[in-house]
Amino acid sequence: MSTHHCSGTSQCSHGGNCEKEETNLIADLQEMLLEQQQQGDKVGEVQSLHAISSCYFAQGEYDKAQEYLQQSLTLVQELGDKKAEAEMMNNLAQLCNAREEYDNAIAYLEKAMAIQNEINDVEGLSSSIFNLGHLHLQKKDMAQAAVTWTSLYKFAREMDLSDILTELESLAEQLGLPGGNNAWQLLLEQMDKGE
């Protein structure tokens, strides 16, 4: 992705007016986008559109962020870049999550997961499943969150994904589940028995 990044209005490179700094960055990115469009640089366009969307997202301007992200998604679909398409779906899910549109966020994540499964993107799929569990938790559906994370535990164990297993162990502790990954194993055994 682009080397330009917006991290929100609370962080400035020099302690000055962050909002003005990001507005200038957006203007620079839009100028770069125009040049890329004129040159037919589709990959560059995707990067600039994504960067502009990130800036608007950081500023809480979700409608503008979605507009640029949708354009970026359309381009990666035209380019046939399935991995980038799944990443854009994940970003749209984050946007919906920020708006507390959890069902829409889940729908985007499920689309991303289908693509990630199709292209065998194990890392991306694991991340999406993890995020899906969090969305269920935000919807106050702890049972579905637990099922989702338990399924991820099974997948991570089968694929020997030590980073995911470490994250799940930490999550179990945060949720107050005793025994870390032993808790996920116990839940998995209960699920397998149909309990």
N, C-alpha and C. Protein backbone atom coordinates (compact mmCIF):
# COMPACT_ATOMS: atom_id res chain seq x y z
N MET A 1 0.83 -1.19 0.00
CA MET A 1 0.00 0.00 0.00
C MET A 1 0.88 1.26 0.00
N SER A 2 0.23 2.36 -0.06
CA SER A 2 0.91 3.64 -0.16
C SER A 2 1.73 3.94 1.09
N THR A 3 2.76 4.75 0.91
CA THR A 3 3.56 5.14 2.06
C THR A 3 2.88 6.25 2.85
N HIS A 4 1.84 6.86 2.30
CA HIS A 4 1.10 7.89 3.02
C HIS A 4 0.15 7.22 3.98
N HIS A 5 0.00 7.80 5.16
CA HIS A 5 -0.85 7.17 6.15
C HIS A 5 -1.47 8.22 7.04
N CYS A 6 -2.74 8.05 7.32
CA CYS A 6 -3.43 8.90 8.27
C CYS A 6 -3.70 8.09 9.51
N SER A 7 -3.32 8.62 10.64
CA SER A 7 -3.48 7.88 11.88
C SER A 7 -4.48 8.53 12.81
N GLY A 8 -5.22 9.49 12.34
CA GLY A 8 -6.17 10.18 13.21
C GLY A 8 -5.68 11.57 13.54
N THR A 9 -6.57 12.40 14.00
CA THR A 9 -6.21 13.79 14.24
C THR A 9 -5.47 14.00 15.55
N SER A 10 -5.27 12.96 16.33
CA SER A 10 -4.61 13.15 17.61
C SER A 10 -3.09 13.08 17.51
N GLN A 11 -2.55 12.65 16.38
CA GLN A 11 -1.11 12.52 16.25
C GLN A 11 -0.62 13.37 15.09
N CYS A 12 0.32 14.25 15.36
CA CYS A 12 0.90 15.09 14.32
C CYS A 12 2.39 14.86 14.26
N SER A 13 2.94 15.13 13.12
CA SER A 13 4.39 14.94 12.98
C SER A 13 5.16 16.03 13.70
N HIS A 14 4.54 17.18 13.91
CA HIS A 14 5.28 18.28 14.52
C HIS A 14 4.51 18.96 15.66
N GLY A 15 3.40 18.38 16.08
CA GLY A 15 2.65 18.93 17.19
C GLY A 15 1.75 20.09 16.80
N GLY A 16 1.59 20.37 15.52
CA GLY A 16 0.76 21.49 15.06
C GLY A 16 -0.67 21.09 14.84
N ASN A 17 -1.29 21.73 13.87
CA ASN A 17 -2.69 21.49 13.57
C ASN A 17 -2.82 20.20 12.75
N CYS A 18 -3.20 19.14 13.43
CA CYS A 18 -3.27 17.81 12.80
C CYS A 18 -4.32 17.76 11.71
N GLU A 19 -5.48 18.36 11.97
CA GLU A 19 -6.55 18.30 10.98
C GLU A 19 -6.11 18.96 9.68
N LYS A 20 -5.41 20.09 9.79
CA LYS A 20 -4.91 20.77 8.59
C LYS A 20 -3.87 19.91 7.88
N GLU A 21 -3.02 19.27 8.68
CA GLU A 21 -1.98 18.40 8.12
C GLU A 21 -2.62 17.26 7.33
N GLU A 22 -3.67 16.64 7.86
CA GLU A 22 -4.32 15.54 7.16
C GLU A 22 -5.09 16.05 5.95
N THR A 23 -5.68 17.23 6.04
CA THR A 23 -6.38 17.81 4.90
C THR A 23 -5.40 18.04 3.76
N ASN A 24 -4.21 18.53 4.09
CA ASN A 24 -3.17 18.72 3.07
C ASN A 24 -2.75 17.37 2.48
N LEU A 25 -2.64 16.37 3.31
CA LEU A 25 -2.26 15.04 2.84
C LEU A 25 -3.33 14.50 1.88
N ILE A 26 -4.59 14.68 2.23
CA ILE A 26 -5.68 14.22 1.36
C ILE A 26 -5.60 14.94 0.01
N ALA A 27 -5.36 16.25 0.04
CA ALA A 27 -5.24 17.01 -1.21
C ALA A 27 -4.07 16.48 -2.05
N ASP A 28 -2.95 16.19 -1.40
CA ASP A 28 -1.79 15.63 -2.12
C ASP A 28 -2.12 14.27 -2.71
N LEU A 29 -2.82 13.45 -1.95
CA LEU A 29 -3.19 12.12 -2.43
C LEU A 29 -4.18 12.21 -3.59
N GLN A 30 -5.11 13.15 -3.51
CA GLN A 30 -6.07 13.32 -4.60
C GLN A 30 -5.37 13.78 -5.88
N GLU A 31 -4.37 14.63 -5.73
CA GLU A 31 -3.58 15.07 -6.88
C GLU A 31 -2.82 13.88 -7.48
N MET A 32 -2.23 13.07 -6.61
CA MET A 32 -1.51 11.88 -7.07
C MET A 32 -2.49 10.92 -7.77
N LEU A 33 -3.69 10.78 -7.22
CA LEU A 33 -4.70 9.91 -7.80
C LEU A 33 -5.06 10.37 -9.21
N LEU A 34 -5.22 11.66 -9.39
CA LEU A 34 -5.54 12.20 -10.71
C LEU A 34 -4.43 11.87 -11.72
N GLU A 35 -3.18 12.03 -11.30
CA GLU A 35 -2.05 11.69 -12.17
C GLU A 35 -2.06 10.21 -12.52
N GLN A 36 -2.33 9.36 -11.53
CA GLN A 36 -2.35 7.92 -11.77
C GLN A 36 -3.47 7.54 -12.73
N GLN A 37 -4.61 8.20 -12.59
CA GLN A 37 -5.73 7.94 -13.49
C GLN A 37 -5.37 8.34 -14.92
N GLN A 38 -4.70 9.48 -15.06
CA GLN A 38 -4.30 9.95 -16.38
C GLN A 38 -3.27 9.02 -17.02
N GLN A 39 -2.43 8.43 -16.20
CA GLN A 39 -1.39 7.52 -16.69
C GLN A 39 -1.89 6.09 -16.85
N GLY A 40 -3.10 5.81 -16.37
CA GLY A 40 -3.63 4.45 -16.44
C GLY A 40 -2.98 3.50 -15.44
N ASP A 41 -2.44 4.05 -14.36
CA ASP A 41 -1.78 3.26 -13.31
C ASP A 41 -2.84 2.76 -12.32
N LYS A 42 -3.46 1.63 -12.65
CA LYS A 42 -4.55 1.10 -11.82
C LYS A 42 -4.10 0.69 -10.42
N VAL A 43 -2.92 0.09 -10.32
CA VAL A 43 -2.41 -0.32 -9.01
C VAL A 43 -2.16 0.91 -8.14
N GLY A 44 -1.57 1.94 -8.73
CA GLY A 44 -1.37 3.19 -8.00
C GLY A 44 -2.68 3.82 -7.58
N GLU A 45 -3.68 3.74 -8.46
CA GLU A 45 -5.01 4.26 -8.13
C GLU A 45 -5.57 3.57 -6.89
N VAL A 46 -5.46 2.25 -6.88
CA VAL A 46 -5.96 1.47 -5.74
C VAL A 46 -5.28 1.95 -4.45
N GLN A 47 -3.97 2.10 -4.51
CA GLN A 47 -3.22 2.53 -3.33
C GLN A 47 -3.64 3.92 -2.87
N SER A 48 -3.79 4.84 -3.81
CA SER A 48 -4.18 6.20 -3.45
C SER A 48 -5.61 6.25 -2.92
N LEU A 49 -6.51 5.53 -3.57
CA LEU A 49 -7.90 5.49 -3.10
C LEU A 49 -7.97 4.93 -1.68
N HIS A 50 -7.20 3.88 -1.45
CA HIS A 50 -7.17 3.27 -0.12
C HIS A 50 -6.60 4.25 0.91
N ALA A 51 -5.54 4.94 0.55
CA ALA A 51 -4.92 5.90 1.47
C ALA A 51 -5.87 7.05 1.78
N ILE A 52 -6.56 7.55 0.77
CA ILE A 52 -7.53 8.64 0.99
C ILE A 52 -8.65 8.14 1.90
N SER A 53 -9.13 6.94 1.64
CA SER A 53 -10.17 6.36 2.49
C SER A 53 -9.69 6.26 3.94
N SER A 54 -8.45 5.83 4.13
CA SER A 54 -7.89 5.71 5.47
C SER A 54 -7.85 7.06 6.18
N CYS A 55 -7.52 8.10 5.45
CA CYS A 55 -7.47 9.44 6.04
C CYS A 55 -8.87 9.88 6.49
N TYR A 56 -9.84 9.69 5.62
CA TYR A 56 -11.21 10.07 5.98
C TYR A 56 -11.71 9.22 7.15
N PHE A 57 -11.36 7.95 7.16
CA PHE A 57 -11.75 7.08 8.27
C PHE A 57 -11.16 7.60 9.57
N ALA A 58 -9.89 7.97 9.54
CA ALA A 58 -9.21 8.49 10.73
C ALA A 58 -9.85 9.77 11.24
N GLN A 59 -10.44 10.54 10.33
CA GLN A 59 -11.11 11.78 10.71
C GLN A 59 -12.57 11.55 11.11
N GLY A 60 -13.04 10.31 10.99
CA GLY A 60 -14.42 10.01 11.33
C GLY A 60 -15.40 10.37 10.24
N GLU A 61 -14.91 10.64 9.04
CA GLU A 61 -15.77 10.97 7.90
C GLU A 61 -16.05 9.67 7.14
N TYR A 62 -16.95 8.88 7.70
CA TYR A 62 -17.18 7.53 7.21
C TYR A 62 -17.80 7.47 5.82
N ASP A 63 -18.67 8.43 5.48
CA ASP A 63 -19.27 8.42 4.14
C ASP A 63 -18.21 8.60 3.06
N LYS A 64 -17.31 9.56 3.30
CA LYS A 64 -16.24 9.80 2.33
C LYS A 64 -15.28 8.61 2.29
N ALA A 65 -14.99 8.05 3.47
CA ALA A 65 -14.11 6.88 3.53
C ALA A 65 -14.71 5.74 2.72
N GLN A 66 -16.01 5.53 2.87
CA GLN A 66 -16.66 4.44 2.14
C GLN A 66 -16.65 4.69 0.64
N GLU A 67 -16.87 5.94 0.24
CA GLU A 67 -16.87 6.28 -1.18
C GLU A 67 -15.55 5.88 -1.84
N TYR A 68 -14.43 6.25 -1.21
CA TYR A 68 -13.12 5.94 -1.78
C TYR A 68 -12.79 4.45 -1.67
N LEU A 69 -13.23 3.83 -0.59
CA LEU A 69 -12.98 2.40 -0.42
C LEU A 69 -13.77 1.59 -1.44
N GLN A 70 -15.00 1.99 -1.74
CA GLN A 70 -15.80 1.31 -2.76
C GLN A 70 -15.13 1.41 -4.12
N GLN A 71 -14.58 2.61 -4.43
CA GLN A 71 -13.88 2.77 -5.71
C GLN A 71 -12.66 1.85 -5.77
N SER A 72 -11.95 1.75 -4.66
CA SER A 72 -10.79 0.89 -4.58
C SER A 72 -11.19 -0.57 -4.76
N LEU A 73 -12.29 -0.96 -4.12
CA LEU A 73 -12.79 -2.33 -4.26
C LEU A 73 -13.13 -2.64 -5.72
N THR A 74 -13.81 -1.72 -6.38
CA THR A 74 -14.18 -1.92 -7.78
C THR A 74 -12.94 -2.13 -8.64
N LEU A 75 -11.91 -1.34 -8.40
CA LEU A 75 -10.68 -1.47 -9.19
C LEU A 75 -9.98 -2.80 -8.95
N VAL A 76 -9.88 -3.24 -7.68
CA VAL A 76 -9.19 -4.51 -7.43
C VAL A 76 -9.99 -5.67 -8.02
N GLN A 77 -11.30 -5.54 -8.07
CA GLN A 77 -12.11 -6.57 -8.72
C GLN A 77 -11.84 -6.59 -10.22
N GLU A 78 -11.73 -5.40 -10.82
CA GLU A 78 -11.40 -5.32 -12.25
C GLU A 78 -10.03 -5.91 -12.53
N LEU A 79 -9.10 -5.69 -11.62
CA LEU A 79 -7.74 -6.21 -11.78
C LEU A 79 -7.66 -7.71 -11.48
N GLY A 80 -8.69 -8.25 -10.84
CA GLY A 80 -8.69 -9.67 -10.51
C GLY A 80 -7.80 -10.02 -9.33
N ASP A 81 -7.50 -9.04 -8.48
CA ASP A 81 -6.63 -9.26 -7.32
C ASP A 81 -7.51 -9.70 -6.14
N LYS A 82 -7.65 -11.01 -5.99
CA LYS A 82 -8.55 -11.57 -4.98
C LYS A 82 -8.09 -11.24 -3.55
N LYS A 83 -6.79 -11.29 -3.31
CA LYS A 83 -6.30 -11.00 -1.96
C LYS A 83 -6.62 -9.55 -1.59
N ALA A 84 -6.38 -8.62 -2.51
CA ALA A 84 -6.69 -7.22 -2.25
C ALA A 84 -8.20 -7.02 -2.11
N GLU A 85 -8.97 -7.78 -2.87
CA GLU A 85 -10.43 -7.69 -2.77
C GLU A 85 -10.88 -8.08 -1.36
N ALA A 86 -10.33 -9.16 -0.84
CA ALA A 86 -10.66 -9.59 0.53
C ALA A 86 -10.23 -8.53 1.55
N GLU A 87 -9.07 -7.91 1.32
CA GLU A 87 -8.60 -6.86 2.23
C GLU A 87 -9.55 -5.67 2.21
N MET A 88 -10.05 -5.30 1.02
CA MET A 88 -11.00 -4.19 0.92
C MET A 88 -12.31 -4.55 1.63
N MET A 89 -12.74 -5.80 1.51
CA MET A 89 -13.94 -6.25 2.22
C MET A 89 -13.74 -6.14 3.73
N ASN A 90 -12.55 -6.51 4.19
CA ASN A 90 -12.23 -6.36 5.60
C ASN A 90 -12.27 -4.90 6.02
N ASN A 91 -11.74 -4.03 5.18
CA ASN A 91 -11.76 -2.59 5.50
C ASN A 91 -13.19 -2.07 5.54
N LEU A 92 -14.03 -2.53 4.63
CA LEU A 92 -15.44 -2.14 4.65
C LEU A 92 -16.11 -2.65 5.92
N ALA A 93 -15.73 -3.84 6.37
CA ALA A 93 -16.26 -4.37 7.63
C ALA A 93 -15.86 -3.48 8.80
N GLN A 94 -14.61 -3.02 8.80
CA GLN A 94 -14.14 -2.11 9.86
C GLN A 94 -14.94 -0.81 9.85
N LEU A 95 -15.22 -0.33 8.66
CA LEU A 95 -16.00 0.90 8.51
C LEU A 95 -17.42 0.70 9.06
N CYS A 96 -18.04 -0.41 8.70
CA CYS A 96 -19.38 -0.70 9.23
C CYS A 96 -19.34 -0.88 10.74
N ASN A 97 -18.30 -1.50 11.24
CA ASN A 97 -18.13 -1.68 12.68
C ASN A 97 -18.07 -0.32 13.38
N ALA A 98 -17.31 0.60 12.80
CA ALA A 98 -17.19 1.94 13.40
C ALA A 98 -18.55 2.65 13.44
N ARG A 99 -19.40 2.33 12.48
CA ARG A 99 -20.75 2.90 12.43
C ARG A 99 -21.75 2.11 13.27
N GLU A 100 -21.26 1.04 13.89
CA GLU A 100 -22.09 0.13 14.67
C GLU A 100 -23.14 -0.55 13.80
N GLU A 101 -22.80 -0.78 12.54
CA GLU A 101 -23.64 -1.54 11.60
C GLU A 101 -23.08 -2.97 11.57
N TYR A 102 -23.31 -3.68 12.65
CA TYR A 102 -22.65 -4.97 12.84
C TYR A 102 -23.07 -6.03 11.83
N ASP A 103 -24.34 -6.06 11.46
CA ASP A 103 -24.78 -7.05 10.48
C ASP A 103 -24.12 -6.83 9.12
N ASN A 104 -23.99 -5.56 8.72
CA ASN A 104 -23.29 -5.25 7.47
C ASN A 104 -21.82 -5.62 7.57
N ALA A 105 -21.22 -5.34 8.73
CA ALA A 105 -19.81 -5.69 8.94
C ALA A 105 -19.61 -7.20 8.83
N ILE A 106 -20.52 -7.95 9.42
CA ILE A 106 -20.44 -9.42 9.36
C ILE A 106 -20.58 -9.89 7.91
N ALA A 107 -21.49 -9.28 7.17
CA ALA A 107 -21.68 -9.66 5.76
C ALA A 107 -20.40 -9.43 4.96
N TYR A 108 -19.73 -8.29 5.17
CA TYR A 108 -18.48 -8.02 4.47
C TYR A 108 -17.40 -9.02 4.88
N LEU A 109 -17.33 -9.33 6.17
CA LEU A 109 -16.32 -10.30 6.62
C LEU A 109 -16.59 -11.67 6.03
N GLU A 110 -17.84 -12.05 5.94
CA GLU A 110 -18.15 -13.36 5.36
C GLU A 110 -17.76 -13.42 3.89
N LYS A 111 -17.95 -12.32 3.17
CA LYS A 111 -17.50 -12.26 1.77
C LYS A 111 -15.97 -12.37 1.70
N ALA A 112 -15.30 -11.64 2.59
CA ALA A 112 -13.84 -11.69 2.63
C ALA A 112 -13.37 -13.11 2.92
N MET A 113 -14.03 -13.76 3.89
CA MET A 113 -13.63 -15.12 4.27
C MET A 113 -13.83 -16.10 3.13
N ALA A 114 -14.89 -15.94 2.36
CA ALA A 114 -15.12 -16.83 1.21
C ALA A 114 -13.99 -16.69 0.20
N ILE A 115 -13.57 -15.45 -0.05
CA ILE A 115 -12.47 -15.21 -0.98
C ILE A 115 -11.17 -15.77 -0.42
N GLN A 116 -10.91 -15.51 0.86
CA GLN A 116 -9.67 -15.98 1.48
C GLN A 116 -9.60 -17.51 1.47
N ASN A 117 -10.73 -18.14 1.69
CA ASN A 117 -10.79 -19.61 1.63
C ASN A 117 -10.51 -20.09 0.21
N GLU A 118 -11.10 -19.40 -0.77
CA GLU A 118 -10.93 -19.76 -2.19
C GLU A 118 -9.47 -19.68 -2.62
N ILE A 119 -8.75 -18.65 -2.15
CA ILE A 119 -7.36 -18.47 -2.58
C ILE A 119 -6.35 -19.04 -1.58
N ASN A 120 -6.88 -19.72 -0.56
CA ASN A 120 -6.04 -20.34 0.47
C ASN A 120 -5.17 -19.32 1.21
N ASP A 121 -5.75 -18.19 1.55
CA ASP A 121 -5.06 -17.15 2.33
C ASP A 121 -5.30 -17.44 3.82
N VAL A 122 -4.50 -18.32 4.37
CA VAL A 122 -4.67 -18.80 5.74
C VAL A 122 -4.56 -17.65 6.74
N GLU A 123 -3.57 -16.80 6.57
CA GLU A 123 -3.37 -15.68 7.50
C GLU A 123 -4.55 -14.72 7.45
N GLY A 124 -4.97 -14.35 6.26
CA GLY A 124 -6.10 -13.44 6.12
C GLY A 124 -7.38 -14.04 6.66
N LEU A 125 -7.60 -15.32 6.39
CA LEU A 125 -8.79 -16.01 6.87
C LEU A 125 -8.81 -16.05 8.40
N SER A 126 -7.68 -16.35 8.99
CA SER A 126 -7.59 -16.39 10.45
C SER A 126 -7.93 -15.04 11.06
N SER A 127 -7.39 -14.00 10.48
CA SER A 127 -7.66 -12.65 10.97
C SER A 127 -9.15 -12.30 10.84
N SER A 128 -9.74 -12.68 9.72
CA SER A 128 -11.16 -12.40 9.50
C SER A 128 -12.04 -13.15 10.49
N ILE A 129 -11.71 -14.41 10.75
CA ILE A 129 -12.49 -15.19 11.71
C ILE A 129 -12.36 -14.58 13.10
N PHE A 130 -11.17 -14.17 13.46
CA PHE A 130 -10.94 -13.54 14.76
C PHE A 130 -11.81 -12.29 14.88
N ASN A 131 -11.80 -11.45 13.82
CA ASN A 131 -12.59 -10.22 13.82
C ASN A 131 -14.09 -10.52 13.85
N LEU A 132 -14.50 -11.59 13.18
CA LEU A 132 -15.90 -11.98 13.19
C LEU A 132 -16.37 -12.29 14.61
N GLY A 133 -15.53 -12.97 15.36
CA GLY A 133 -15.86 -13.24 16.76
C GLY A 133 -16.07 -11.96 17.54
N HIS A 134 -15.22 -10.98 17.31
CA HIS A 134 -15.36 -9.69 17.99
C HIS A 134 -16.66 -8.98 17.60
N LEU A 135 -17.04 -9.09 16.34
CA LEU A 135 -18.30 -8.48 15.91
C LEU A 135 -19.49 -9.12 16.61
N HIS A 136 -19.46 -10.44 16.74
CA HIS A 136 -20.54 -11.12 17.47
C HIS A 136 -20.57 -10.67 18.93
N LEU A 137 -19.39 -10.49 19.50
CA LEU A 137 -19.32 -10.02 20.89
C LEU A 137 -19.91 -8.61 21.00
N GLN A 138 -19.61 -7.74 20.04
CA GLN A 138 -20.15 -6.38 20.06
C GLN A 138 -21.67 -6.38 19.90
N LYS A 139 -22.19 -7.40 19.21
CA LYS A 139 -23.64 -7.54 19.08
C LYS A 139 -24.25 -8.15 20.34
N LYS A 140 -23.41 -8.42 21.32
CA LYS A 140 -23.83 -9.02 22.59
C LYS A 140 -24.28 -10.48 22.40
N ASP A 141 -23.71 -11.14 21.40
CA ASP A 141 -24.00 -12.54 21.13
C ASP A 141 -22.77 -13.37 21.51
N MET A 142 -22.59 -13.53 22.81
CA MET A 142 -21.41 -14.22 23.32
C MET A 142 -21.37 -15.67 22.86
N ALA A 143 -22.53 -16.30 22.73
CA ALA A 143 -22.55 -17.70 22.30
C ALA A 143 -21.98 -17.84 20.90
N GLN A 144 -22.38 -16.96 19.98
CA GLN A 144 -21.87 -17.04 18.61
C GLN A 144 -20.40 -16.64 18.55
N ALA A 145 -20.01 -15.67 19.38
CA ALA A 145 -18.59 -15.29 19.45
C ALA A 145 -17.75 -16.49 19.90
N ALA A 146 -18.23 -17.19 20.91
CA ALA A 146 -17.49 -18.36 21.42
C ALA A 146 -17.40 -19.45 20.36
N VAL A 147 -18.49 -19.69 19.63
CA VAL A 147 -18.47 -20.69 18.56
C VAL A 147 -17.46 -20.29 17.48
N THR A 148 -17.46 -19.01 17.13
CA THR A 148 -16.54 -18.52 16.10
C THR A 148 -15.10 -18.69 16.54
N TRP A 149 -14.78 -18.26 17.76
CA TRP A 149 -13.40 -18.36 18.24
C TRP A 149 -12.98 -19.81 18.47
N THR A 150 -13.92 -20.65 18.87
CA THR A 150 -13.60 -22.06 19.05
C THR A 150 -13.29 -22.71 17.70
N SER A 151 -14.05 -22.34 16.69
CA SER A 151 -13.77 -22.82 15.33
C SER A 151 -12.39 -22.34 14.87
N LEU A 152 -12.06 -21.10 15.20
CA LEU A 152 -10.73 -20.58 14.86
C LEU A 152 -9.65 -21.35 15.60
N TYR A 153 -9.91 -21.68 16.87
CA TYR A 153 -8.95 -22.47 17.64
C TYR A 153 -8.68 -23.81 16.94
N LYS A 154 -9.75 -24.47 16.51
CA LYS A 154 -9.60 -25.76 15.82
C LYS A 154 -8.78 -25.59 14.54
N PHE A 155 -9.12 -24.57 13.76
CA PHE A 155 -8.42 -24.29 12.51
C PHE A 155 -6.94 -23.98 12.78
N ALA A 156 -6.67 -23.13 13.77
CA ALA A 156 -5.30 -22.73 14.08
C ALA A 156 -4.48 -23.92 14.57
N ARG A 157 -5.12 -24.77 15.35
CA ARG A 157 -4.42 -25.96 15.85
C ARG A 157 -4.08 -26.90 14.70
N GLU A 158 -5.05 -27.11 13.79
CA GLU A 158 -4.83 -28.01 12.65
C GLU A 158 -3.76 -27.47 11.71
N MET A 159 -3.71 -26.14 11.54
CA MET A 159 -2.77 -25.52 10.62
C MET A 159 -1.45 -25.13 11.31
N ASP A 160 -1.36 -25.39 12.62
CA ASP A 160 -0.18 -25.05 13.41
C ASP A 160 0.16 -23.56 13.32
N LEU A 161 -0.86 -22.73 13.58
CA LEU A 161 -0.71 -21.27 13.54
C LEU A 161 -0.44 -20.75 14.96
N SER A 162 0.82 -20.77 15.34
CA SER A 162 1.18 -20.43 16.72
C SER A 162 0.79 -19.00 17.10
N ASP A 163 0.90 -18.05 16.17
CA ASP A 163 0.53 -16.66 16.48
C ASP A 163 -0.96 -16.55 16.83
N ILE A 164 -1.79 -17.23 16.07
CA ILE A 164 -3.24 -17.20 16.32
C ILE A 164 -3.54 -17.89 17.65
N LEU A 165 -2.88 -19.00 17.91
CA LEU A 165 -3.10 -19.70 19.18
C LEU A 165 -2.70 -18.82 20.36
N THR A 166 -1.63 -18.06 20.20
CA THR A 166 -1.21 -17.13 21.26
C THR A 166 -2.26 -16.04 21.46
N GLU A 167 -2.79 -15.51 20.35
CA GLU A 167 -3.84 -14.49 20.45
C GLU A 167 -5.09 -15.04 21.12
N LEU A 168 -5.46 -16.27 20.77
CA LEU A 168 -6.63 -16.89 21.38
C LEU A 168 -6.43 -17.15 22.87
N GLU A 169 -5.22 -17.52 23.24
CA GLU A 169 -4.93 -17.72 24.66
C GLU A 169 -5.10 -16.42 25.43
N SER A 170 -4.58 -15.34 24.86
CA SER A 170 -4.73 -14.03 25.48
C SER A 170 -6.21 -13.62 25.54
N LEU A 171 -6.94 -13.89 24.48
CA LEU A 171 -8.36 -13.56 24.44
C LEU A 171 -9.12 -14.33 25.52
N ALA A 172 -8.80 -15.59 25.70
CA ALA A 172 -9.47 -16.40 26.73
C ALA A 172 -9.27 -15.75 28.10
N GLU A 173 -8.06 -15.29 28.36
CA GLU A 173 -7.78 -14.62 29.63
C GLU A 173 -8.59 -13.33 29.76
N GLN A 174 -8.67 -12.54 28.68
CA GLN A 174 -9.44 -11.30 28.71
C GLN A 174 -10.92 -11.56 28.96
N LEU A 175 -11.41 -12.68 28.44
CA LEU A 175 -12.82 -13.02 28.60
C LEU A 175 -13.10 -13.72 29.93
N GLY A 176 -12.05 -13.98 30.69
CA GLY A 176 -12.22 -14.64 31.98
C GLY A 176 -12.41 -16.15 31.87
N LEU A 177 -11.97 -16.72 30.75
CA LEU A 177 -12.05 -18.17 30.57
C LEU A 177 -10.81 -18.80 31.18
N PRO A 178 -10.96 -19.65 32.19
CA PRO A 178 -9.78 -20.23 32.85
C PRO A 178 -9.04 -21.20 31.94
N GLY A 179 -7.73 -21.16 32.02
CA GLY A 179 -6.92 -22.15 31.31
C GLY A 179 -6.48 -21.77 29.92
N GLY A 180 -6.74 -20.55 29.47
CA GLY A 180 -6.28 -20.12 28.16
C GLY A 180 -6.81 -21.01 27.05
N ASN A 181 -5.91 -21.60 26.26
CA ASN A 181 -6.33 -22.44 25.14
C ASN A 181 -7.00 -23.74 25.60
N ASN A 182 -6.77 -24.14 26.85
CA ASN A 182 -7.49 -25.30 27.37
C ASN A 182 -8.99 -25.03 27.39
N ALA A 183 -9.38 -23.77 27.62
CA ALA A 183 -10.79 -23.40 27.60
C ALA A 183 -11.37 -23.59 26.20
N TRP A 184 -10.60 -23.18 25.17
CA TRP A 184 -11.07 -23.36 23.80
C TRP A 184 -11.17 -24.85 23.47
N GLN A 185 -10.21 -25.64 23.96
CA GLN A 185 -10.24 -27.09 23.71
C GLN A 185 -11.48 -27.70 24.35
N LEU A 186 -11.80 -27.29 25.56
CA LEU A 186 -12.98 -27.80 26.25
C LEU A 186 -14.25 -27.43 25.48
N LEU A 187 -14.33 -26.18 25.03
CA LEU A 187 -15.49 -25.74 24.24
C LEU A 187 -15.58 -26.53 22.94
N LEU A 188 -14.44 -26.78 22.30
CA LEU A 188 -14.41 -27.54 21.06
C LEU A 188 -14.95 -28.97 21.29
N GLU A 189 -14.51 -29.58 22.37
CA GLU A 189 -14.99 -30.94 22.69
C GLU A 189 -16.50 -30.93 22.94
N GLN A 190 -16.98 -29.89 23.62
CA GLN A 190 -18.44 -29.78 23.86
C GLN A 190 -19.19 -29.58 22.54
N MET A 191 -18.62 -28.76 21.65
CA MET A 191 -19.26 -28.54 20.34
C MET A 191 -19.30 -29.84 19.54
N ASP A 192 -18.20 -30.58 19.58
CA ASP A 192 -18.13 -31.83 18.83
C ASP A 192 -19.14 -32.86 19.34
N LYS A 193 -19.44 -32.80 20.64
CA LYS A 193 -20.42 -33.72 21.24
C LYS A 193 -21.84 -33.21 21.04
N GLY A 194 -21.97 -31.97 20.54
CA GLY A 194 -23.30 -31.41 20.32
C GLY A 194 -23.93 -30.83 21.56
N GLU A 195 -23.13 -30.49 22.55
CA GLU A 195 -23.65 -29.94 23.81
C GLU A 195 -23.91 -28.45 23.70
